[in-house]
Amino acid sequence: MKRIEITDKAREVVKQLKEKHGALIFHQSGGCCDGSAPMIFEKEDMYLDESDILLGQIEGVNFYMNQDQFEYWKHTHLTVDVTEGRGASFSLEIPLGLRFLIRSRLLTTEEASFFNSK
């Protein structure tokens, strides 16, 4: 069971970014700039610490969320999508005229039981 998924359109953007930049990492902090928008960086450009939680991997890229932000999202299943428009972050998709976003839904009873037992 997965807590995080990715749309086909967003998957294609990630593939394109991987070809150009190599190893990548997704992070959702809930901080400044685009707020809680997921951002993608070259792996070496992102500093992680004990407050970052690995939610899963999408298209071979680890997706982390800050634990404070996770408290707001822990009851949801997340899907990374992409849309046209420029975000206000340093995320690698911005120069393409795109920005990643999260679509969410509440976890099903089965999913909630699974994730809460971990």
N, C-alpha and C. Protein backbone atom coordinates (compact mmCIF):
# COMPACT_ATOMS: atom_id res chain seq x y z
N MET A 1 0.84 -1.17 0.00
CA MET A 1 0.00 0.00 0.00
C MET A 1 0.89 1.24 0.00
N LYS A 2 0.52 2.22 -0.80
CA LYS A 2 1.32 3.44 -0.93
C LYS A 2 0.57 4.63 -0.37
N ARG A 3 1.31 5.50 0.27
CA ARG A 3 0.76 6.75 0.80
C ARG A 3 0.83 7.86 -0.24
N ILE A 4 1.72 7.68 -1.23
CA ILE A 4 1.92 8.72 -2.22
C ILE A 4 2.02 8.10 -3.62
N GLU A 5 1.39 8.77 -4.58
CA GLU A 5 1.39 8.34 -5.99
C GLU A 5 1.75 9.54 -6.86
N ILE A 6 1.80 9.32 -8.15
CA ILE A 6 2.12 10.39 -9.10
C ILE A 6 1.28 10.20 -10.36
N THR A 7 0.82 11.30 -10.93
CA THR A 7 0.05 11.21 -12.17
C THR A 7 1.00 10.94 -13.34
N ASP A 8 0.44 10.46 -14.44
CA ASP A 8 1.26 10.19 -15.62
C ASP A 8 1.94 11.45 -16.14
N LYS A 9 1.22 12.55 -16.14
CA LYS A 9 1.77 13.82 -16.62
C LYS A 9 2.96 14.26 -15.74
N ALA A 10 2.80 14.16 -14.44
CA ALA A 10 3.89 14.52 -13.52
C ALA A 10 5.06 13.55 -13.65
N ARG A 11 4.75 12.28 -13.88
CA ARG A 11 5.79 11.25 -14.07
C ARG A 11 6.70 11.63 -15.25
N GLU A 12 6.09 12.10 -16.34
CA GLU A 12 6.88 12.49 -17.51
C GLU A 12 7.79 13.67 -17.20
N VAL A 13 7.32 14.61 -16.42
CA VAL A 13 8.15 15.75 -16.03
C VAL A 13 9.32 15.28 -15.17
N VAL A 14 9.05 14.38 -14.23
CA VAL A 14 10.12 13.85 -13.38
C VAL A 14 11.16 13.13 -14.23
N LYS A 15 10.73 12.33 -15.18
CA LYS A 15 11.67 11.64 -16.08
C LYS A 15 12.55 12.64 -16.81
N GLN A 16 11.93 13.70 -17.33
CA GLN A 16 12.68 14.74 -18.03
C GLN A 16 13.70 15.41 -17.11
N LEU A 17 13.30 15.70 -15.89
CA LEU A 17 14.21 16.33 -14.93
C LEU A 17 15.34 15.40 -14.52
N LYS A 18 15.05 14.11 -14.39
CA LYS A 18 16.09 13.14 -14.04
C LYS A 18 17.13 13.05 -15.15
N GLU A 19 16.67 13.08 -16.41
CA GLU A 19 17.61 13.03 -17.53
C GLU A 19 18.54 14.24 -17.52
N LYS A 20 18.01 15.39 -17.17
CA LYS A 20 18.80 16.62 -17.18
C LYS A 20 19.67 16.77 -15.93
N HIS A 21 19.14 16.40 -14.76
CA HIS A 21 19.81 16.73 -13.50
C HIS A 21 20.37 15.53 -12.74
N GLY A 22 20.03 14.32 -13.12
CA GLY A 22 20.51 13.15 -12.39
C GLY A 22 19.62 12.82 -11.20
N ALA A 23 20.24 12.38 -10.11
CA ALA A 23 19.50 11.97 -8.90
C ALA A 23 18.74 13.16 -8.31
N LEU A 24 17.46 12.90 -7.96
CA LEU A 24 16.59 13.96 -7.46
C LEU A 24 15.96 13.58 -6.13
N ILE A 25 15.34 14.57 -5.50
CA ILE A 25 14.63 14.35 -4.24
C ILE A 25 13.42 15.30 -4.22
N PHE A 26 12.27 14.77 -3.78
CA PHE A 26 11.09 15.60 -3.54
C PHE A 26 11.07 15.97 -2.07
N HIS A 27 10.62 17.19 -1.78
CA HIS A 27 10.46 17.60 -0.39
C HIS A 27 9.26 18.54 -0.29
N GLN A 28 8.48 18.36 0.74
CA GLN A 28 7.34 19.24 1.01
C GLN A 28 7.48 19.73 2.44
N SER A 29 7.76 21.02 2.58
CA SER A 29 8.09 21.55 3.90
C SER A 29 6.96 22.27 4.59
N GLY A 30 6.12 22.94 3.83
CA GLY A 30 5.10 23.79 4.45
C GLY A 30 5.67 25.12 4.88
N GLY A 31 6.83 25.44 4.35
CA GLY A 31 7.50 26.68 4.73
C GLY A 31 7.17 27.83 3.81
N CYS A 32 8.19 28.61 3.49
CA CYS A 32 8.00 29.82 2.69
C CYS A 32 7.78 29.50 1.22
N CYS A 33 7.80 30.49 0.41
CA CYS A 33 7.68 30.40 -1.05
C CYS A 33 6.34 29.80 -1.43
N ASP A 34 6.33 28.59 -1.93
CA ASP A 34 5.09 27.96 -2.37
C ASP A 34 4.36 27.26 -1.23
N GLY A 35 4.72 27.55 0.00
CA GLY A 35 4.03 26.95 1.14
C GLY A 35 4.16 25.45 1.17
N SER A 36 3.07 24.76 0.98
CA SER A 36 3.11 23.30 1.09
C SER A 36 3.20 22.61 -0.26
N ALA A 37 3.63 23.31 -1.29
CA ALA A 37 3.81 22.68 -2.60
C ALA A 37 5.00 21.73 -2.57
N PRO A 38 4.87 20.58 -3.23
CA PRO A 38 6.03 19.69 -3.32
C PRO A 38 7.08 20.29 -4.23
N MET A 39 8.32 20.21 -3.83
CA MET A 39 9.41 20.74 -4.63
C MET A 39 10.40 19.63 -4.93
N ILE A 40 11.02 19.70 -6.09
CA ILE A 40 11.99 18.70 -6.50
C ILE A 40 13.34 19.38 -6.71
N PHE A 41 14.37 18.76 -6.16
CA PHE A 41 15.72 19.32 -6.20
C PHE A 41 16.71 18.23 -6.62
N GLU A 42 17.89 18.67 -7.04
CA GLU A 42 18.97 17.71 -7.20
C GLU A 42 19.26 17.16 -5.82
N LYS A 43 19.50 15.88 -5.74
CA LYS A 43 19.63 15.20 -4.45
C LYS A 43 20.66 15.88 -3.54
N GLU A 44 21.76 16.31 -4.10
CA GLU A 44 22.82 16.91 -3.28
C GLU A 44 22.47 18.32 -2.79
N ASP A 45 21.44 18.92 -3.38
CA ASP A 45 21.06 20.29 -3.01
C ASP A 45 20.07 20.36 -1.86
N MET A 46 19.62 19.21 -1.36
CA MET A 46 18.60 19.20 -0.31
C MET A 46 19.18 18.60 0.96
N TYR A 47 19.17 19.38 2.02
CA TYR A 47 19.63 18.90 3.33
C TYR A 47 18.43 18.35 4.08
N LEU A 48 18.53 17.10 4.49
CA LEU A 48 17.49 16.47 5.30
C LEU A 48 18.00 16.30 6.72
N ASP A 49 17.07 16.34 7.68
CA ASP A 49 17.45 16.05 9.06
C ASP A 49 16.40 15.15 9.68
N GLU A 50 16.49 14.95 10.99
CA GLU A 50 15.60 14.00 11.68
C GLU A 50 14.14 14.45 11.66
N SER A 51 13.87 15.68 11.26
CA SER A 51 12.48 16.14 11.20
C SER A 51 11.81 15.85 9.86
N ASP A 52 12.54 15.23 8.94
CA ASP A 52 11.98 14.89 7.63
C ASP A 52 11.59 13.42 7.59
N ILE A 53 10.39 13.16 7.09
CA ILE A 53 9.82 11.81 7.05
C ILE A 53 9.76 11.34 5.61
N LEU A 54 10.26 10.14 5.34
CA LEU A 54 10.17 9.54 4.02
C LEU A 54 8.77 8.95 3.85
N LEU A 55 7.99 9.51 2.91
CA LEU A 55 6.63 9.01 2.67
C LEU A 55 6.61 7.90 1.64
N GLY A 56 7.61 7.84 0.81
CA GLY A 56 7.66 6.82 -0.23
C GLY A 56 8.53 7.28 -1.37
N GLN A 57 8.43 6.53 -2.45
CA GLN A 57 9.22 6.82 -3.63
C GLN A 57 8.28 6.88 -4.83
N ILE A 58 8.45 7.89 -5.66
CA ILE A 58 7.66 8.01 -6.87
C ILE A 58 8.61 8.22 -8.04
N GLU A 59 8.45 7.40 -9.05
CA GLU A 59 9.30 7.45 -10.23
C GLU A 59 10.78 7.41 -9.85
N GLY A 60 11.09 6.59 -8.83
CA GLY A 60 12.47 6.42 -8.40
C GLY A 60 13.03 7.58 -7.60
N VAL A 61 12.17 8.49 -7.16
CA VAL A 61 12.61 9.67 -6.41
C VAL A 61 11.98 9.61 -5.01
N ASN A 62 12.81 9.66 -3.98
CA ASN A 62 12.29 9.68 -2.61
C ASN A 62 11.50 10.96 -2.38
N PHE A 63 10.38 10.81 -1.66
CA PHE A 63 9.52 11.95 -1.33
C PHE A 63 9.50 12.10 0.18
N TYR A 64 10.01 13.24 0.65
CA TYR A 64 10.08 13.54 2.08
C TYR A 64 9.13 14.69 2.41
N MET A 65 8.67 14.66 3.65
CA MET A 65 7.84 15.75 4.16
C MET A 65 8.33 16.07 5.58
N ASN A 66 8.37 17.37 5.87
CA ASN A 66 8.74 17.78 7.21
C ASN A 66 7.70 17.25 8.20
N GLN A 67 8.14 16.79 9.34
CA GLN A 67 7.23 16.14 10.29
C GLN A 67 6.12 17.07 10.78
N ASP A 68 6.38 18.37 10.92
CA ASP A 68 5.32 19.30 11.30
C ASP A 68 4.24 19.36 10.23
N GLN A 69 4.66 19.38 8.97
CA GLN A 69 3.72 19.38 7.86
C GLN A 69 2.96 18.05 7.81
N PHE A 70 3.66 16.95 8.08
CA PHE A 70 3.04 15.63 8.05
C PHE A 70 1.86 15.53 9.03
N GLU A 71 1.95 16.23 10.15
CA GLU A 71 0.85 16.20 11.12
C GLU A 71 -0.47 16.66 10.49
N TYR A 72 -0.39 17.59 9.53
CA TYR A 72 -1.59 18.06 8.85
C TYR A 72 -2.07 17.09 7.77
N TRP A 73 -1.16 16.32 7.21
CA TRP A 73 -1.45 15.47 6.06
C TRP A 73 -1.53 13.98 6.39
N LYS A 74 -1.29 13.59 7.62
CA LYS A 74 -1.16 12.17 7.96
C LYS A 74 -2.42 11.34 7.71
N HIS A 75 -3.55 11.96 7.57
CA HIS A 75 -4.80 11.24 7.33
C HIS A 75 -5.16 11.19 5.84
N THR A 76 -4.20 11.59 4.99
CA THR A 76 -4.51 11.68 3.57
C THR A 76 -3.58 10.83 2.71
N HIS A 77 -4.11 10.45 1.56
CA HIS A 77 -3.33 9.84 0.50
C HIS A 77 -2.99 10.98 -0.46
N LEU A 78 -1.74 11.06 -0.88
CA LEU A 78 -1.28 12.17 -1.69
C LEU A 78 -0.96 11.73 -3.11
N THR A 79 -1.29 12.57 -4.06
CA THR A 79 -0.92 12.33 -5.46
C THR A 79 -0.22 13.58 -5.97
N VAL A 80 1.01 13.41 -6.46
CA VAL A 80 1.76 14.51 -7.04
C VAL A 80 1.27 14.69 -8.47
N ASP A 81 0.91 15.92 -8.79
CA ASP A 81 0.46 16.26 -10.13
C ASP A 81 1.27 17.48 -10.58
N VAL A 82 1.07 17.90 -11.80
CA VAL A 82 1.77 19.06 -12.33
C VAL A 82 0.75 19.91 -13.10
N THR A 83 0.97 21.21 -13.07
CA THR A 83 0.09 22.13 -13.79
C THR A 83 0.94 23.24 -14.41
N GLU A 84 0.37 23.90 -15.39
CA GLU A 84 1.07 25.04 -15.97
C GLU A 84 1.06 26.20 -14.98
N GLY A 85 2.10 26.98 -15.04
CA GLY A 85 2.20 28.13 -14.15
C GLY A 85 3.52 28.12 -13.43
N ARG A 86 3.91 29.26 -12.97
CA ARG A 86 5.19 29.38 -12.28
C ARG A 86 4.95 29.50 -10.78
N GLY A 87 5.54 28.60 -10.05
CA GLY A 87 5.52 28.71 -8.60
C GLY A 87 6.58 29.70 -8.16
N ALA A 88 6.64 29.96 -6.87
CA ALA A 88 7.61 30.92 -6.34
C ALA A 88 8.73 30.20 -5.61
N SER A 89 9.14 29.04 -6.12
CA SER A 89 10.16 28.27 -5.41
C SER A 89 11.38 28.05 -6.30
N PHE A 90 12.32 27.31 -5.78
CA PHE A 90 13.53 26.96 -6.51
C PHE A 90 13.43 25.56 -7.09
N SER A 91 12.23 25.01 -7.12
CA SER A 91 12.00 23.67 -7.63
C SER A 91 12.40 23.58 -9.11
N LEU A 92 12.94 22.45 -9.52
CA LEU A 92 13.52 22.30 -10.85
C LEU A 92 12.53 22.39 -12.00
N GLU A 93 11.24 22.18 -11.76
CA GLU A 93 10.27 22.25 -12.85
C GLU A 93 9.87 23.69 -13.20
N ILE A 94 10.17 24.64 -12.36
CA ILE A 94 9.75 26.03 -12.54
C ILE A 94 10.22 26.61 -13.88
N PRO A 95 11.49 26.41 -14.29
CA PRO A 95 11.91 26.96 -15.59
C PRO A 95 11.16 26.37 -16.79
N LEU A 96 10.48 25.25 -16.60
CA LEU A 96 9.69 24.64 -17.67
C LEU A 96 8.31 25.29 -17.79
N GLY A 97 8.01 26.25 -16.91
CA GLY A 97 6.70 26.88 -16.92
C GLY A 97 5.64 26.00 -16.25
N LEU A 98 6.10 25.11 -15.38
CA LEU A 98 5.23 24.16 -14.69
C LEU A 98 5.47 24.25 -13.20
N ARG A 99 4.53 23.68 -12.44
CA ARG A 99 4.77 23.54 -11.00
C ARG A 99 4.05 22.29 -10.52
N PHE A 100 4.70 21.61 -9.60
CA PHE A 100 4.09 20.44 -8.99
C PHE A 100 3.08 20.88 -7.95
N LEU A 101 2.06 20.07 -7.74
CA LEU A 101 1.08 20.32 -6.71
C LEU A 101 0.62 18.98 -6.15
N ILE A 102 -0.05 19.04 -5.02
CA ILE A 102 -0.55 17.83 -4.35
C ILE A 102 -2.06 17.79 -4.49
N ARG A 103 -2.55 16.64 -4.86
CA ARG A 103 -3.98 16.34 -4.79
C ARG A 103 -4.12 15.33 -3.66
N SER A 104 -5.10 15.53 -2.81
CA SER A 104 -5.21 14.65 -1.66
C SER A 104 -6.63 14.15 -1.49
N ARG A 105 -6.71 13.04 -0.79
CA ARG A 105 -8.00 12.48 -0.37
C ARG A 105 -7.77 11.83 0.98
N LEU A 106 -8.83 11.67 1.74
CA LEU A 106 -8.70 10.99 3.02
C LEU A 106 -8.33 9.53 2.79
N LEU A 107 -7.54 9.00 3.69
CA LEU A 107 -7.21 7.57 3.63
C LEU A 107 -8.48 6.75 3.82
N THR A 108 -8.56 5.61 3.14
CA THR A 108 -9.65 4.69 3.40
C THR A 108 -9.43 4.07 4.78
N THR A 109 -10.44 3.41 5.31
CA THR A 109 -10.31 2.74 6.61
C THR A 109 -9.18 1.72 6.57
N GLU A 110 -9.10 0.98 5.47
CA GLU A 110 -8.04 -0.03 5.31
C GLU A 110 -6.66 0.62 5.28
N GLU A 111 -6.52 1.71 4.51
CA GLU A 111 -5.24 2.40 4.43
C GLU A 111 -4.85 2.98 5.79
N ALA A 112 -5.80 3.60 6.48
CA ALA A 112 -5.52 4.19 7.79
C ALA A 112 -5.05 3.13 8.77
N SER A 113 -5.70 1.97 8.79
CA SER A 113 -5.29 0.88 9.66
C SER A 113 -3.87 0.42 9.33
N PHE A 114 -3.59 0.31 8.04
CA PHE A 114 -2.26 -0.13 7.59
C PHE A 114 -1.18 0.85 8.04
N PHE A 115 -1.37 2.13 7.76
CA PHE A 115 -0.34 3.12 8.09
C PHE A 115 -0.23 3.37 9.58
N ASN A 116 -1.32 3.26 10.32
CA ASN A 116 -1.27 3.47 11.76
C ASN A 116 -0.63 2.30 12.50
N SER A 117 -0.56 1.14 11.85
CA SER A 117 0.05 -0.03 12.49
C SER A 117 1.56 -0.05 12.34
N LYS A 118 2.08 0.87 11.55
CA LYS A 118 3.54 0.91 11.31
C LYS A 118 4.25 1.68 12.39
